[in-house]
């Protein structure tokens, strides 16, 4: 005959109760097994009576197991359908669980998760662009006079100060012109003094005295011109900077405008880049600019926005910007490419959390907030500025709260966690 399903469940339950009645007596309640220990003890007793075999349903088809099982189990194997076996398994598992109000039952252990504190910090909205590094001041040193190069008293690549002598031309002809001009000025000055005295004695007319004065002015102008030309034979640096290579040699004849070398100021550099016209309202001289370059990976050079071109390019609808950056250590060079990050706006005391703490469901962003009792609650948040490491939280969190930053994939509402503070 085949037992009905209810009868099978009753048979399994009676077997469990029989196993419990055979528990060894203990000396006190403190020694009675509870929780997982009680469950293990109960299951062990059922196995000894031959009923636990039904809990291994894949083995029911094994004749070897059937031959080794006690008579009661062989009877179950012969007369129970697979559904009845599953119900018997459920009854056994339920019977072995502690009764309501008992102590210790099985509970899922808390899930270890990494948490981070919601903290307040300054958040910047940045605009990124690609620019070019230029020297703040750069010239090509040339000769203003024709002449033969007499000396080049500088070393290629040398840092020079303002007024440093870079080239000396043959100045003999210009020195002679300066001496002649000075002599003519002296003669004109003496003639004017005599004319002034004669005029005071009414010996000459005012016109003659004025002619003497004009001759003196012309002589002084000629002398000054000759002196300036003589000075130009000594070519000097107009500002401090670094000189380039020599483009002439000593003894070469220079015509007006022939280059001698290059000079660039490297202590401060310019970075030129373009921004879309929609940001014109946010641009202000003095905004912080951070520059990075492939030549120095990981290094940041900070400067300030200096120039905003008043004209917008009609073809690209962009405006040209210039930032000045101190070249500490002289590592940057004109002509380098630059990745520019311009701070458009800045907010102090903004709430931020790690980027990995945020997860999306549909069109909403969420985080798991850790409560004081180590349980978690899913909270909807509104985010603002976001970068590769931090997220600005506009709404949904309070300072000092802790959110799950790693391990939230296996959590659910109300789950218990073991928080580990993120470093």
Protein backbone atom coordinates (compact mmCIF):
# COMPACT_ATOMS: atom_id res chain seq x y z
CA UNK A 1 0.00 0.00 0.00
CA UNK A 2 1.06 3.63 -0.54
CA UNK A 3 0.87 6.16 2.27
CA UNK A 4 -0.88 9.48 1.64
CA UNK A 5 1.17 12.67 1.87
CA UNK A 6 -0.38 13.82 5.19
CA UNK A 7 0.21 10.39 6.65
CA UNK A 8 3.86 10.53 5.53
CA UNK A 9 4.36 13.89 7.18
CA UNK A 10 2.78 12.61 10.40
CA UNK A 11 5.05 9.59 10.34
CA UNK A 12 8.15 11.76 9.95
CA UNK A 13 7.05 14.12 12.70
CA UNK A 14 6.39 11.22 15.09
CA UNK A 15 9.85 9.91 14.31
CA UNK A 16 11.39 13.26 15.24
CA UNK A 17 9.44 13.40 18.49
CA UNK A 18 10.61 9.90 19.29
CA UNK A 19 14.18 11.03 18.68
CA UNK A 20 13.74 13.96 21.02
CA UNK A 21 12.35 11.71 23.79
CA UNK A 22 15.50 9.64 23.61
CA UNK A 23 17.80 12.63 24.30
CA UNK A 24 20.15 11.91 27.18
CA UNK A 25 19.27 13.62 30.44
CA UNK A 26 21.34 16.59 31.43
CA UNK A 27 22.28 17.84 34.84
CA UNK A 28 20.81 21.30 34.25
CA UNK A 29 19.13 23.60 31.75
CA UNK A 30 22.43 25.36 31.12
CA UNK A 31 23.78 22.18 29.48
CA UNK A 32 20.81 21.63 27.16
CA UNK A 33 21.79 22.17 23.49
CA UNK A 34 20.15 25.14 21.83
CA UNK A 35 20.11 26.82 18.43
CA UNK A 36 22.41 25.26 15.84
CA UNK A 37 23.69 22.74 18.45
CA UNK A 38 20.15 21.52 19.19
CA UNK A 39 19.45 21.22 15.47
CA UNK A 40 22.60 19.16 14.92
CA UNK A 41 21.72 16.90 17.86
CA UNK A 42 18.16 16.35 16.64
CA UNK A 43 19.26 15.54 13.10
CA UNK A 44 21.87 13.12 14.42
CA UNK A 45 19.22 11.25 16.43
CA UNK A 46 16.93 10.99 13.40
CA UNK A 47 19.80 9.57 11.35
CA UNK A 48 20.44 6.90 13.93
CA UNK A 49 16.79 5.80 13.70
CA UNK A 50 17.05 5.56 9.91
CA UNK A 51 14.77 8.40 8.95
CA UNK A 52 17.32 11.02 7.83
CA UNK A 53 17.91 9.01 4.67
CA UNK A 54 14.79 10.56 3.18
CA UNK A 55 16.50 13.98 3.36
CA UNK A 56 18.92 12.86 0.62
CA UNK A 57 16.39 12.51 -2.16
CA UNK A 58 18.99 11.90 -4.93
CA UNK A 59 20.09 8.78 -3.04
CA UNK A 60 16.59 7.27 -2.88
CA UNK A 61 17.14 5.62 -6.25
CA UNK A 62 20.31 3.91 -5.02
CA UNK A 63 19.68 0.25 -4.25
CA UNK A 64 22.84 0.10 -2.15
CA UNK A 65 21.43 2.76 0.17
CA UNK A 66 18.04 1.03 0.22
CA UNK A 67 19.64 -2.27 1.25
CA UNK A 68 21.61 -0.60 4.07
CA UNK A 69 18.67 1.46 5.34
CA UNK A 70 16.54 0.16 8.23
CA UNK A 71 13.20 -1.47 7.52
CA UNK A 72 11.24 1.72 8.15
CA UNK A 73 13.33 3.60 5.60
CA UNK A 74 13.03 0.83 3.02
CA UNK A 75 9.29 1.03 3.54
CA UNK A 76 9.41 4.79 2.78
CA UNK A 77 11.53 4.25 -0.31
CA UNK A 78 9.08 1.65 -1.67
CA UNK A 79 5.86 3.50 -0.88
CA UNK A 80 6.53 7.27 -1.10
CA UNK A 81 6.41 9.43 -4.19
CA UNK A 82 9.16 12.07 -4.73
CA UNK A 83 6.74 14.81 -3.67
CA UNK A 84 6.06 12.99 -0.42
CA UNK A 85 9.81 12.70 0.18
CA UNK A 86 10.24 16.45 -0.21
CA UNK A 87 7.39 17.10 2.22
CA UNK A 88 8.92 14.71 4.71
CA UNK A 89 12.21 16.62 4.34
CA UNK A 90 10.43 19.91 5.11
CA UNK A 91 8.72 18.36 8.13
CA UNK A 92 12.03 17.05 9.48
CA UNK A 93 13.73 20.45 9.00
CA UNK A 94 10.85 22.23 10.72
CA UNK A 95 10.75 19.75 13.59
CA UNK A 96 14.45 20.15 14.24
CA UNK A 97 14.15 23.97 14.44
CA UNK A 98 13.75 25.44 17.94
CA UNK A 99 10.23 26.26 19.03
CA UNK A 100 8.88 29.81 19.03
CA UNK A 101 10.19 31.73 21.98
CA UNK A 102 13.21 29.48 22.27
CA UNK A 103 16.73 30.83 22.44
CA UNK A 104 19.43 30.70 19.84
CA UNK A 105 17.78 29.86 16.41
CA UNK A 106 19.73 29.97 13.22
CA UNK A 107 20.45 33.50 11.94
CA UNK A 108 22.38 34.76 8.94
CA UNK A 109 25.72 36.23 10.10
CA UNK A 110 26.29 39.97 9.44
CA UNK A 111 27.79 40.78 6.04
CA UNK A 112 31.23 42.45 6.12
CA UNK A 113 31.09 45.68 4.14
CA UNK A 114 33.34 48.69 3.67
CA UNK A 115 31.79 51.96 4.81
CA UNK A 116 32.69 55.63 4.36
CA UNK A 117 31.57 58.72 6.19
CA UNK A 118 29.53 61.45 4.52
CA UNK A 119 31.90 64.38 4.84
CA UNK A 120 31.92 68.06 4.00
CA UNK A 121 34.52 69.49 1.64
CA UNK A 122 35.02 72.09 -1.09
CA UNK A 123 33.69 71.04 -4.49
CA UNK A 124 34.71 72.71 -7.74
CA UNK A 125 32.97 72.63 -11.12
CA UNK A 126 35.72 72.45 -13.71
CA UNK A 127 35.96 72.97 -17.46
CA UNK A 128 38.58 70.88 -19.27
CA UNK A 129 40.35 71.82 -22.49
CA UNK A 130 43.56 71.21 -24.42
CA UNK A 131 45.90 74.19 -24.70
CA UNK A 132 49.41 75.20 -25.63
CA UNK A 133 52.19 76.48 -23.39
CA UNK A 134 53.91 79.69 -24.45
CA UNK A 135 56.57 81.84 -22.86
CA UNK A 136 55.28 84.93 -21.12
CA UNK A 137 57.90 87.02 -22.97
CA UNK A 138 59.98 85.84 -25.93
CA UNK A 139 61.94 87.66 -28.62
CA UNK A 140 64.44 87.09 -31.35
CA UNK A 141 67.52 89.15 -30.55
CA UNK A 142 68.55 91.13 -33.67
CA UNK A 143 70.95 93.90 -34.58
CA UNK A 144 69.58 97.39 -35.18
CA UNK A 145 72.79 98.54 -36.89
CA UNK A 146 74.97 97.11 -39.62
CA UNK A 147 78.38 96.00 -38.45
CA UNK A 148 80.85 93.22 -37.78
CA UNK A 149 80.34 91.00 -34.72
CA UNK A 150 83.17 91.66 -32.31
CA UNK A 151 82.08 89.43 -29.40
CA UNK A 152 79.25 87.14 -28.26
CA UNK A 153 79.70 87.06 -24.46
CA UNK A 154 77.01 84.50 -23.57
CA UNK A 155 76.71 80.73 -23.29
CA UNK A 156 74.00 78.96 -25.23
CA UNK A 157 71.09 78.02 -22.98
CA UNK A 158 72.31 80.36 -20.24
CA UNK A 159 69.97 82.19 -17.87
CA UNK A 160 70.69 85.92 -18.16
CA UNK A 161 69.51 88.98 -16.27
CA UNK A 162 68.01 92.18 -17.62
CA UNK A 163 70.70 94.27 -19.31
CA UNK A 164 73.14 91.39 -19.80
CA UNK A 165 75.45 91.91 -22.81
CA UNK A 166 74.63 89.43 -25.58
CA UNK A 167 76.63 90.79 -28.55
CA UNK A 168 79.24 93.46 -29.25
CA UNK A 169 79.66 95.03 -32.71
CA UNK A 170 82.74 96.82 -34.01
CA UNK A 171 82.09 100.33 -32.64
CA UNK A 172 85.08 102.35 -33.85
CA UNK A 173 83.14 104.25 -36.51
CA UNK A 174 80.22 104.90 -34.19
CA UNK A 175 82.56 106.05 -31.41
CA UNK A 176 84.13 108.60 -33.77
CA UNK A 177 80.69 109.93 -34.75
CA UNK A 178 79.82 110.27 -31.07
CA UNK A 179 83.04 112.21 -30.38
CA UNK A 180 82.40 114.55 -33.33
CA UNK A 181 78.87 115.17 -32.18
CA UNK A 182 80.03 116.02 -28.69
CA UNK A 183 82.60 118.51 -30.07
CA UNK A 184 79.99 120.24 -32.19
CA UNK A 185 77.67 120.48 -29.18
CA UNK A 186 80.43 122.11 -27.11
CA UNK A 187 81.15 124.67 -29.86
CA UNK A 188 77.46 125.49 -30.22
CA UNK A 189 77.11 125.93 -26.46
CA UNK A 190 80.03 128.41 -26.37
CA UNK A 191 78.62 130.39 -29.30
CA UNK A 192 75.25 130.65 -27.59
CA UNK A 193 76.82 131.93 -24.35
CA UNK A 194 78.64 134.74 -26.28
CA UNK A 195 75.50 135.58 -28.19
CA UNK A 196 73.53 135.80 -24.96
CA UNK A 197 76.02 138.23 -23.40
CA UNK A 198 76.12 140.40 -26.55
CA UNK A 199 72.34 140.48 -26.63
CA UNK A 200 72.24 141.63 -23.02
CA UNK A 201 74.65 144.48 -24.02
CA UNK A 202 72.42 145.32 -27.01
CA UNK A 203 75.33 144.48 -29.30
CA UNK A 204 73.32 141.97 -31.40
CA UNK A 205 69.70 141.56 -32.24
CA UNK A 206 67.31 139.01 -30.75
CA UNK A 207 67.29 137.15 -34.06
CA UNK A 208 71.01 136.51 -33.90
CA UNK A 209 70.69 135.32 -30.34
CA UNK A 210 67.89 132.91 -31.38
CA UNK A 211 70.00 131.53 -34.24
CA UNK A 212 72.75 130.72 -31.79
CA UNK A 213 70.21 128.97 -29.54
CA UNK A 214 68.87 126.88 -32.44
CA UNK A 215 72.40 125.86 -33.47
CA UNK A 216 73.03 124.64 -29.94
CA UNK A 217 69.82 122.55 -29.97
CA UNK A 218 70.78 120.91 -33.27
CA UNK A 219 74.28 120.13 -32.00
CA UNK A 220 72.88 118.55 -28.83
CA UNK A 221 70.48 116.41 -30.87
CA UNK A 222 73.29 115.23 -33.17
CA UNK A 223 75.46 114.38 -30.19
CA UNK A 224 72.65 112.41 -28.55
CA UNK A 225 71.97 110.50 -31.77
CA UNK A 226 75.63 109.56 -32.16
CA UNK A 227 75.73 108.44 -28.55
CA UNK A 228 72.64 106.24 -28.98
CA UNK A 229 74.06 104.64 -32.11
CA UNK A 230 77.26 103.90 -30.25
CA UNK A 231 75.29 102.31 -27.42
CA UNK A 232 73.40 100.10 -29.90
CA UNK A 233 76.62 98.42 -30.89
CA UNK A 234 76.29 96.70 -27.50
CA UNK A 235 73.20 94.44 -27.77
CA UNK A 236 71.74 93.71 -24.35
CA UNK A 237 68.93 91.53 -22.94
CA UNK A 238 65.76 93.60 -22.48
CA UNK A 239 64.48 91.25 -19.76
CA UNK A 240 65.66 88.30 -17.71
CA UNK A 241 65.33 84.94 -19.39
CA UNK A 242 67.10 82.07 -21.09
CA UNK A 243 69.03 82.50 -24.33
CA UNK A 244 68.96 79.99 -27.15
CA UNK A 245 71.57 78.92 -29.64
CA UNK A 246 73.90 81.32 -31.47
CA UNK A 247 72.79 82.14 -34.98
CA UNK A 248 75.94 84.08 -35.92
CA UNK A 249 79.62 83.78 -35.19
CA UNK A 250 82.25 86.30 -34.17
CA UNK A 251 83.52 88.16 -37.26
CA UNK A 252 80.25 87.84 -39.19
CA UNK A 253 78.80 90.95 -40.79
CA UNK A 254 75.30 91.76 -39.61
CA UNK A 255 72.77 93.76 -41.50
CA UNK A 256 69.87 95.48 -39.79
CA UNK A 257 67.40 92.86 -38.51
CA UNK A 258 69.72 89.86 -38.74
CA UNK A 259 69.00 87.47 -35.80
CA UNK A 260 71.67 86.76 -33.20
CA UNK A 261 69.86 84.42 -30.76
CA UNK A 262 66.50 83.82 -29.04
CA UNK A 263 65.54 84.98 -25.57
CA UNK A 264 62.55 83.70 -23.58
CA UNK A 265 61.33 84.32 -20.06
CA UNK A 266 60.57 80.94 -18.44
CA UNK A 267 59.90 81.92 -14.85
CA UNK A 268 56.26 82.56 -15.79
CA UNK A 269 54.52 80.88 -18.73
CA UNK A 270 51.27 81.46 -20.58
CA UNK A 271 48.76 78.74 -21.42
CA UNK A 272 46.37 79.57 -24.24
CA UNK A 273 43.15 77.59 -24.75
CA UNK A 274 39.57 78.08 -25.90
CA UNK A 275 36.25 77.78 -24.08
CA UNK A 276 32.70 77.62 -25.50
CA UNK A 277 30.69 80.81 -25.48
CA UNK A 278 28.14 79.35 -23.03
CA UNK A 279 30.76 79.69 -20.27
CA UNK A 280 31.41 83.39 -20.89
CA UNK A 281 29.23 84.36 -17.94
CA UNK A 282 31.30 82.18 -15.57
CA UNK A 283 34.73 83.40 -16.69
CA UNK A 284 36.51 85.80 -14.37
CA UNK A 285 40.18 86.85 -14.28
CA UNK A 286 41.78 85.21 -11.28
CA UNK A 287 39.96 81.86 -11.59
CA UNK A 288 42.14 78.90 -10.61
CA UNK A 289 43.65 76.97 -13.53
CA UNK A 290 45.37 73.60 -13.13
CA UNK A 291 47.64 72.36 -15.93
CA UNK A 292 49.02 68.88 -16.56
CA UNK A 293 51.27 67.81 -19.41
CA UNK A 294 52.31 64.43 -20.85
CA UNK A 295 55.95 65.33 -20.19
CA UNK A 296 55.36 65.12 -16.41
CA UNK A 297 52.59 62.57 -15.71
CA UNK A 298 50.87 63.02 -12.37
CA UNK A 299 52.28 66.50 -11.72
CA UNK A 300 49.97 69.51 -11.48
CA UNK A 301 50.90 73.13 -12.18
CA UNK A 302 48.53 75.74 -10.78
CA UNK A 303 48.00 79.26 -12.07
CA UNK A 304 45.37 81.93 -12.61
CA UNK A 305 43.22 83.01 -15.53
CA UNK A 306 44.71 86.30 -16.77
CA UNK A 307 43.16 87.28 -20.11
CA UNK A 308 39.68 86.78 -21.59
CA UNK A 309 39.54 87.74 -25.24
CA UNK A 310 36.65 90.18 -25.75
CA UNK A 311 35.86 88.72 -29.19
CA UNK A 312 34.15 85.36 -29.79
CA UNK A 313 35.37 83.40 -32.80
CA UNK A 314 32.37 83.38 -35.19
CA UNK A 315 33.50 80.12 -36.81
CA UNK A 316 33.93 77.99 -33.67
CA UNK A 317 31.82 80.03 -31.21
CA UNK A 318 34.66 79.89 -28.70
CA UNK A 319 36.56 82.54 -26.80
CA UNK A 320 40.33 82.58 -26.40
CA UNK A 321 41.64 82.48 -22.83
CA UNK A 322 45.13 82.99 -21.43
CA UNK A 323 46.31 81.78 -18.04
CA UNK A 324 49.65 82.53 -16.40
CA UNK A 325 51.46 79.79 -14.49
CA UNK A 326 54.62 80.06 -12.37
CA UNK A 327 57.21 77.70 -13.82
CA UNK A 328 58.67 76.46 -10.56
CA UNK A 329 61.87 74.56 -11.22
CA UNK A 330 61.86 75.53 -14.91
CA UNK A 331 60.40 72.18 -15.99
CA UNK A 332 57.85 73.49 -18.46
CA UNK A 333 58.92 74.70 -21.90
CA UNK A 334 57.18 76.81 -24.52
CA UNK A 335 55.52 74.69 -27.19
CA UNK A 336 54.39 71.89 -24.86
CA UNK A 337 50.79 70.71 -24.99
CA UNK A 338 48.71 71.19 -21.86
CA UNK A 339 45.57 69.66 -20.39
CA UNK A 340 43.79 72.57 -18.72
CA UNK A 341 41.23 72.35 -15.91
CA UNK A 342 39.56 75.68 -15.21
CA UNK A 343 37.50 76.14 -12.04
CA UNK A 344 34.17 77.60 -13.20
CA UNK A 345 32.45 77.63 -9.78
CA UNK A 346 33.28 76.56 -6.25
CA UNK A 347 31.10 75.45 -3.34
CA UNK A 348 32.38 75.13 0.19
CA UNK A 349 31.04 72.59 2.70
CA UNK A 350 29.47 70.35 0.06
CA UNK A 351 28.60 66.78 1.11
CA UNK A 352 30.60 64.10 -0.70
CA UNK A 353 30.79 60.30 -0.68
CA UNK A 354 32.93 57.79 -2.63
CA UNK A 355 31.83 57.27 -6.21
CA UNK A 356 31.58 53.50 -5.77
CA UNK A 357 28.95 53.89 -3.01
CA UNK A 358 26.32 55.08 -5.52
CA UNK A 359 24.24 52.62 -7.53
CA UNK A 360 21.38 53.31 -9.92
CA UNK A 361 18.00 51.69 -10.25
CA UNK A 362 16.08 53.04 -13.18
CA UNK A 363 16.61 56.76 -13.31
CA UNK A 364 17.28 57.17 -9.56
CA UNK A 365 20.55 56.97 -7.61
CA UNK A 366 20.70 55.15 -4.27
CA UNK A 367 23.08 54.35 -1.42
CA UNK A 368 22.89 52.00 1.55
CA UNK A 369 23.01 53.94 4.81
CA UNK A 370 24.33 52.11 7.88
CA UNK A 371 22.09 52.60 10.92
CA UNK A 372 23.30 52.61 14.58
CA UNK A 373 22.10 48.98 14.99
CA UNK A 374 24.34 47.90 12.07
CA UNK A 375 21.41 47.36 9.73
CA UNK A 376 21.22 49.09 6.36
CA UNK A 377 18.54 51.15 4.69
CA UNK A 378 18.39 52.08 1.03
CA UNK A 379 18.26 55.86 0.58
CA UNK A 380 17.53 57.80 -2.62
CA UNK A 381 19.93 60.67 -3.26
CA UNK A 382 20.36 63.53 -5.71
CA UNK A 383 23.91 64.00 -6.94
CA UNK A 384 25.73 67.06 -8.27
CA UNK A 385 29.32 67.21 -9.47
CA UNK A 386 30.90 63.79 -10.01
CA UNK A 387 34.46 62.77 -10.76
CA UNK A 388 36.41 59.51 -10.75
CA UNK A 389 36.62 59.30 -6.94
CA UNK A 390 34.00 61.49 -5.21
CA UNK A 391 30.34 62.37 -5.73
CA UNK A 392 28.64 65.50 -4.47
CA UNK A 393 25.34 64.74 -2.72
CA UNK A 394 22.84 67.57 -3.11
CA UNK A 395 19.95 65.90 -1.28
CA UNK A 396 19.28 62.69 0.68
CA UNK A 397 22.14 62.45 3.21
CA UNK A 398 23.36 64.25 6.33
CA UNK A 399 26.95 64.94 7.48
CA UNK A 400 28.37 62.21 9.69
CA UNK A 401 26.26 59.38 8.27
CA UNK A 402 28.00 56.24 7.03
CA UNK A 403 27.26 54.65 3.67
CA UNK A 404 28.33 51.32 2.24
CA UNK A 405 31.15 51.98 -0.21
CA UNK A 406 32.00 48.37 -1.11
CA UNK A 407 29.85 45.23 -0.89
CA UNK A 408 26.40 46.74 -1.47
CA UNK A 409 25.70 44.31 -4.33
CA UNK A 410 24.71 41.57 -1.83
CA UNK A 411 22.68 43.74 0.54
CA UNK A 412 18.97 44.28 0.94
CA UNK A 413 16.76 46.53 3.05
CA UNK A 414 17.28 45.78 6.75
CA UNK A 415 20.28 43.48 6.27
CA UNK A 416 22.77 43.31 9.12
CA UNK A 417 26.34 44.30 8.27
CA UNK A 418 29.77 44.27 9.85
CA UNK A 419 31.11 47.76 8.99
CA UNK A 420 34.78 48.19 8.11
CA UNK A 421 35.80 51.86 7.85
CA UNK A 422 37.24 52.72 4.43
CA UNK A 423 40.72 54.21 4.30
